Each structure stands twice: as C-alpha cells, then as structure tokens.
Amino acid sequence: MTEKPESELKEYAGGWITERKGTSIPPFLKLAYPIIAISCIVYLFVFMNGEVNHSTRGSLVRQLNAVTQSSSGFMYAVAAMIAVFVVILLAFVYGKSGHEE
C-alpha cells in the first residue's frame, strides 16, 4: 500500500478531521445543508404554538397555551437566528474557502 505524502493531507480539530488539500464540499452536502436549515425554519413556524390541531391532544395544547401565554416574539427571534445561520451556511458552502493554499 502506498501512503499519500503528508503535504497533501490537512488536519483540523487536532487530527479528528483530515482532508486532502484542494478538496471541495460534495454536491450532496451542498444541497442537503440548506434544505435541512430551511426545514428547521418551516418546522418552527408550523409548530410555533404546539400541535394545536391534533385530533386527541390538540385541546390540551390549546389549554396549555392559554395558561402559559407562549411568546411569539421569542419564537420569531429564534427563527431570525436560524435565518442568519442559513445565510452564513450558504456563504460558507457556496463560497471560496479562505484556507486553500
């Protein structure tokens, strides 16, 4: 077996992650990252106040919401943080890496 010279391999996180220099992000991950992040935002908006339309526990969720007075402002702030994360993630995934030599 022939081993690759050390100069072609780059280590991150103290050797836990190793990659060849010049390796790009696989197309599957370029597609999966934004889909997962956008799905998180959609899930947050759909279930912001719980599963209020469920056939068996919907009435209990509505009663809990009435007692606890859920904060929509906080949930919108969390959604905004997720949106900022998505923008940063997309810039990282589709942008040119700064550590390439």
N, C-alpha and C. Protein backbone atom coordinates (compact mmCIF):
# COMPACT_ATOMS: atom_id res chain seq x y z
N MET A 1 0.84 -1.18 0.00
CA MET A 1 0.00 0.00 0.00
C MET A 1 0.88 1.24 0.00
N THR A 2 0.52 2.16 -0.83
CA THR A 2 1.26 3.42 -0.87
C THR A 2 0.49 4.46 -0.07
N GLU A 3 1.22 5.18 0.73
CA GLU A 3 0.59 6.23 1.52
C GLU A 3 0.80 7.57 0.84
N LYS A 4 -0.15 8.45 1.01
CA LYS A 4 -0.05 9.80 0.45
C LYS A 4 0.95 10.60 1.29
N PRO A 5 1.71 11.45 0.64
CA PRO A 5 2.62 12.31 1.40
C PRO A 5 1.84 13.21 2.35
N GLU A 6 2.44 13.49 3.49
CA GLU A 6 1.78 14.32 4.49
C GLU A 6 1.41 15.70 3.97
N SER A 7 2.15 16.21 2.97
CA SER A 7 1.88 17.56 2.49
C SER A 7 0.52 17.65 1.79
N GLU A 8 -0.01 16.52 1.31
CA GLU A 8 -1.31 16.55 0.64
C GLU A 8 -2.47 16.47 1.62
N LEU A 9 -2.22 16.08 2.86
CA LEU A 9 -3.27 15.94 3.85
C LEU A 9 -3.25 17.13 4.80
N LYS A 10 -4.45 17.58 5.18
CA LYS A 10 -4.58 18.69 6.11
C LYS A 10 -5.48 18.25 7.26
N GLU A 11 -5.05 18.51 8.49
CA GLU A 11 -5.80 18.09 9.66
C GLU A 11 -6.48 19.28 10.32
N TYR A 12 -7.68 19.02 10.82
CA TYR A 12 -8.44 20.01 11.57
C TYR A 12 -8.84 19.39 12.90
N ALA A 13 -9.16 20.22 13.86
CA ALA A 13 -9.66 19.77 15.17
C ALA A 13 -8.73 18.77 15.82
N GLY A 14 -7.46 19.05 15.77
CA GLY A 14 -6.49 18.20 16.43
C GLY A 14 -6.37 16.80 15.83
N GLY A 15 -6.62 16.67 14.54
CA GLY A 15 -6.49 15.39 13.87
C GLY A 15 -7.78 14.59 13.75
N TRP A 16 -8.88 15.11 14.29
CA TRP A 16 -10.15 14.39 14.19
C TRP A 16 -10.71 14.44 12.77
N ILE A 17 -10.39 15.50 12.04
CA ILE A 17 -10.86 15.65 10.67
C ILE A 17 -9.64 15.77 9.77
N THR A 18 -9.58 14.96 8.73
CA THR A 18 -8.47 15.00 7.79
C THR A 18 -9.03 15.10 6.38
N GLU A 19 -8.43 15.95 5.56
CA GLU A 19 -8.85 16.07 4.17
C GLU A 19 -7.65 16.34 3.29
N ARG A 20 -7.81 16.04 2.02
CA ARG A 20 -6.76 16.36 1.06
C ARG A 20 -6.87 17.83 0.68
N LYS A 21 -5.76 18.46 0.45
CA LYS A 21 -5.78 19.86 0.04
C LYS A 21 -6.47 19.97 -1.31
N GLY A 22 -7.28 21.00 -1.45
CA GLY A 22 -7.99 21.23 -2.70
C GLY A 22 -9.30 20.48 -2.82
N THR A 23 -9.69 19.74 -1.79
CA THR A 23 -10.95 19.00 -1.81
C THR A 23 -12.11 19.96 -1.59
N SER A 24 -13.14 19.85 -2.41
CA SER A 24 -14.30 20.71 -2.23
C SER A 24 -15.41 19.95 -1.51
N ILE A 25 -16.44 20.69 -1.10
CA ILE A 25 -17.58 20.09 -0.42
C ILE A 25 -18.37 19.28 -1.44
N PRO A 26 -18.76 18.05 -1.13
CA PRO A 26 -19.52 17.22 -2.08
C PRO A 26 -20.86 17.88 -2.45
N PRO A 27 -21.31 17.70 -3.69
CA PRO A 27 -22.58 18.31 -4.13
C PRO A 27 -23.78 17.90 -3.28
N PHE A 28 -23.79 16.66 -2.80
CA PHE A 28 -24.89 16.22 -1.95
C PHE A 28 -25.00 17.09 -0.70
N LEU A 29 -23.86 17.38 -0.07
CA LEU A 29 -23.89 18.22 1.13
C LEU A 29 -24.24 19.66 0.79
N LYS A 30 -23.79 20.13 -0.37
CA LYS A 30 -24.16 21.49 -0.78
C LYS A 30 -25.67 21.62 -0.93
N LEU A 31 -26.33 20.53 -1.27
CA LEU A 31 -27.79 20.55 -1.40
C LEU A 31 -28.45 20.25 -0.05
N ALA A 32 -27.88 19.37 0.73
CA ALA A 32 -28.51 18.94 1.99
C ALA A 32 -28.48 20.03 3.05
N TYR A 33 -27.39 20.76 3.19
CA TYR A 33 -27.28 21.78 4.23
C TYR A 33 -28.41 22.81 4.16
N PRO A 34 -28.62 23.48 3.02
CA PRO A 34 -29.70 24.47 3.01
C PRO A 34 -31.09 23.85 3.16
N ILE A 35 -31.31 22.66 2.63
CA ILE A 35 -32.63 22.03 2.77
C ILE A 35 -32.93 21.74 4.23
N ILE A 36 -31.96 21.24 4.96
CA ILE A 36 -32.16 20.95 6.39
C ILE A 36 -32.40 22.24 7.17
N ALA A 37 -31.62 23.28 6.89
CA ALA A 37 -31.77 24.54 7.61
C ALA A 37 -33.12 25.20 7.32
N ILE A 38 -33.54 25.20 6.08
CA ILE A 38 -34.84 25.79 5.73
C ILE A 38 -35.98 24.96 6.32
N SER A 39 -35.80 23.66 6.38
CA SER A 39 -36.81 22.80 7.01
C SER A 39 -36.98 23.14 8.49
N CYS A 40 -35.89 23.49 9.15
CA CYS A 40 -35.96 23.90 10.56
C CYS A 40 -36.81 25.16 10.72
N ILE A 41 -36.62 26.12 9.82
CA ILE A 41 -37.41 27.36 9.89
C ILE A 41 -38.88 27.06 9.66
N VAL A 42 -39.18 26.25 8.66
CA VAL A 42 -40.58 25.91 8.35
C VAL A 42 -41.21 25.16 9.53
N TYR A 43 -40.49 24.22 10.11
CA TYR A 43 -41.00 23.47 11.26
C TYR A 43 -41.29 24.41 12.42
N LEU A 44 -40.42 25.39 12.63
CA LEU A 44 -40.62 26.33 13.72
C LEU A 44 -41.91 27.12 13.53
N PHE A 45 -42.18 27.57 12.30
CA PHE A 45 -43.40 28.34 12.06
C PHE A 45 -44.66 27.47 12.12
N VAL A 46 -44.58 26.24 11.63
CA VAL A 46 -45.75 25.37 11.63
C VAL A 46 -46.14 24.98 13.06
N PHE A 47 -45.16 24.66 13.89
CA PHE A 47 -45.44 24.22 15.25
C PHE A 47 -45.04 25.26 16.29
N MET A 48 -45.17 26.53 15.95
CA MET A 48 -44.77 27.61 16.86
C MET A 48 -45.55 27.55 18.18
N ASN A 49 -46.83 27.27 18.11
CA ASN A 49 -47.65 27.22 19.32
C ASN A 49 -48.02 25.81 19.72
N GLY A 50 -47.29 24.84 19.22
CA GLY A 50 -47.57 23.45 19.53
C GLY A 50 -48.47 22.83 18.47
N GLU A 51 -48.83 21.62 18.71
CA GLU A 51 -49.66 20.88 17.76
C GLU A 51 -51.14 21.09 18.13
N VAL A 52 -51.64 22.29 17.88
CA VAL A 52 -52.98 22.67 18.32
C VAL A 52 -54.09 22.01 17.52
N ASN A 53 -53.82 21.52 16.34
CA ASN A 53 -54.86 20.91 15.50
C ASN A 53 -54.86 19.38 15.56
N HIS A 54 -54.11 18.80 16.48
CA HIS A 54 -54.08 17.34 16.61
C HIS A 54 -55.42 16.85 17.14
N SER A 55 -55.87 15.69 16.66
CA SER A 55 -57.20 15.20 16.99
C SER A 55 -57.36 14.85 18.47
N THR A 56 -56.35 14.29 19.11
CA THR A 56 -56.51 13.86 20.50
C THR A 56 -55.91 14.83 21.51
N ARG A 57 -54.74 15.38 21.23
CA ARG A 57 -54.11 16.24 22.23
C ARG A 57 -54.16 17.73 21.88
N GLY A 58 -54.83 18.07 20.81
CA GLY A 58 -54.91 19.48 20.40
C GLY A 58 -55.57 20.37 21.43
N SER A 59 -56.64 19.88 22.07
CA SER A 59 -57.32 20.69 23.08
C SER A 59 -56.43 20.91 24.30
N LEU A 60 -55.63 19.89 24.66
CA LEU A 60 -54.70 20.05 25.79
C LEU A 60 -53.62 21.07 25.47
N VAL A 61 -53.14 21.06 24.23
CA VAL A 61 -52.12 22.02 23.83
C VAL A 61 -52.69 23.43 23.86
N ARG A 62 -53.92 23.60 23.39
CA ARG A 62 -54.56 24.93 23.43
C ARG A 62 -54.73 25.40 24.86
N GLN A 63 -55.12 24.50 25.76
CA GLN A 63 -55.27 24.88 27.18
C GLN A 63 -53.93 25.27 27.78
N LEU A 64 -52.87 24.53 27.45
CA LEU A 64 -51.54 24.86 27.96
C LEU A 64 -51.10 26.22 27.43
N ASN A 65 -51.36 26.49 26.15
CA ASN A 65 -51.00 27.79 25.57
C ASN A 65 -51.75 28.92 26.25
N ALA A 66 -53.01 28.68 26.61
CA ALA A 66 -53.80 29.71 27.29
C ALA A 66 -53.23 30.01 28.68
N VAL A 67 -52.77 28.99 29.37
CA VAL A 67 -52.25 29.17 30.72
C VAL A 67 -50.84 29.77 30.71
N THR A 68 -49.98 29.28 29.81
CA THR A 68 -48.58 29.71 29.83
C THR A 68 -48.32 30.95 29.00
N GLN A 69 -49.24 31.33 28.15
CA GLN A 69 -49.09 32.52 27.30
C GLN A 69 -47.77 32.47 26.53
N SER A 70 -47.70 31.62 25.54
CA SER A 70 -46.47 31.43 24.77
C SER A 70 -46.04 32.74 24.11
N SER A 71 -44.77 32.93 23.99
CA SER A 71 -44.20 34.17 23.47
C SER A 71 -43.86 34.03 21.99
N SER A 72 -44.69 34.62 21.15
CA SER A 72 -44.42 34.58 19.71
C SER A 72 -43.18 35.40 19.36
N GLY A 73 -42.94 36.47 20.08
CA GLY A 73 -41.76 37.30 19.82
C GLY A 73 -40.46 36.52 19.97
N PHE A 74 -40.40 35.70 21.01
CA PHE A 74 -39.21 34.87 21.21
C PHE A 74 -39.04 33.88 20.07
N MET A 75 -40.14 33.28 19.64
CA MET A 75 -40.07 32.31 18.56
C MET A 75 -39.64 32.97 17.25
N TYR A 76 -40.10 34.20 17.00
CA TYR A 76 -39.64 34.92 15.81
C TYR A 76 -38.15 35.26 15.91
N ALA A 77 -37.68 35.55 17.12
CA ALA A 77 -36.25 35.81 17.31
C ALA A 77 -35.43 34.56 17.02
N VAL A 78 -35.92 33.41 17.46
CA VAL A 78 -35.24 32.14 17.17
C VAL A 78 -35.24 31.88 15.67
N ALA A 79 -36.36 32.15 15.00
CA ALA A 79 -36.44 31.98 13.54
C ALA A 79 -35.47 32.91 12.84
N ALA A 80 -35.32 34.13 13.35
CA ALA A 80 -34.36 35.07 12.75
C ALA A 80 -32.93 34.57 12.92
N MET A 81 -32.63 33.99 14.08
CA MET A 81 -31.28 33.43 14.28
C MET A 81 -31.03 32.26 13.35
N ILE A 82 -32.04 31.44 13.12
CA ILE A 82 -31.89 30.34 12.17
C ILE A 82 -31.67 30.88 10.77
N ALA A 83 -32.40 31.94 10.41
CA ALA A 83 -32.23 32.55 9.08
C ALA A 83 -30.82 33.11 8.90
N VAL A 84 -30.29 33.75 9.94
CA VAL A 84 -28.91 34.25 9.86
C VAL A 84 -27.94 33.09 9.70
N PHE A 85 -28.19 32.00 10.42
CA PHE A 85 -27.35 30.81 10.28
C PHE A 85 -27.41 30.27 8.87
N VAL A 86 -28.59 30.25 8.27
CA VAL A 86 -28.74 29.75 6.89
C VAL A 86 -27.92 30.61 5.92
N VAL A 87 -27.97 31.92 6.09
CA VAL A 87 -27.21 32.81 5.21
C VAL A 87 -25.71 32.56 5.36
N ILE A 88 -25.24 32.45 6.60
CA ILE A 88 -23.81 32.18 6.84
C ILE A 88 -23.43 30.81 6.28
N LEU A 89 -24.29 29.82 6.48
CA LEU A 89 -24.03 28.48 5.97
C LEU A 89 -23.94 28.47 4.45
N LEU A 90 -24.87 29.16 3.79
CA LEU A 90 -24.84 29.20 2.33
C LEU A 90 -23.60 29.94 1.82
N ALA A 91 -23.20 31.00 2.52
CA ALA A 91 -21.98 31.70 2.12
C ALA A 91 -20.76 30.79 2.27
N PHE A 92 -20.74 29.99 3.31
CA PHE A 92 -19.63 29.06 3.52
C PHE A 92 -19.63 27.94 2.50
N VAL A 93 -20.80 27.36 2.26
CA VAL A 93 -20.89 26.21 1.36
C VAL A 93 -20.60 26.58 -0.07
N TYR A 94 -21.15 27.69 -0.53
CA TYR A 94 -21.01 28.04 -1.94
C TYR A 94 -19.88 29.04 -2.21
N GLY A 95 -19.25 29.55 -1.16
CA GLY A 95 -18.14 30.48 -1.34
C GLY A 95 -16.81 29.79 -1.45
N LYS A 96 -15.80 30.54 -1.81
CA LYS A 96 -14.44 30.01 -1.91
C LYS A 96 -13.85 29.94 -0.51
N SER A 97 -13.25 28.83 -0.19
CA SER A 97 -12.65 28.64 1.13
C SER A 97 -11.41 29.52 1.28
N GLY A 98 -11.28 30.14 2.43
CA GLY A 98 -10.15 31.01 2.69
C GLY A 98 -8.88 30.27 3.10
N HIS A 99 -8.98 29.00 3.47
CA HIS A 99 -7.80 28.28 3.93
C HIS A 99 -7.11 27.51 2.81
N GLU A 100 -7.59 27.62 1.59
CA GLU A 100 -6.94 26.94 0.48
C GLU A 100 -5.60 27.59 0.19
N GLU A 101 -4.62 26.80 -0.07
CA GLU A 101 -3.28 27.31 -0.34
C GLU A 101 -2.87 27.01 -1.75
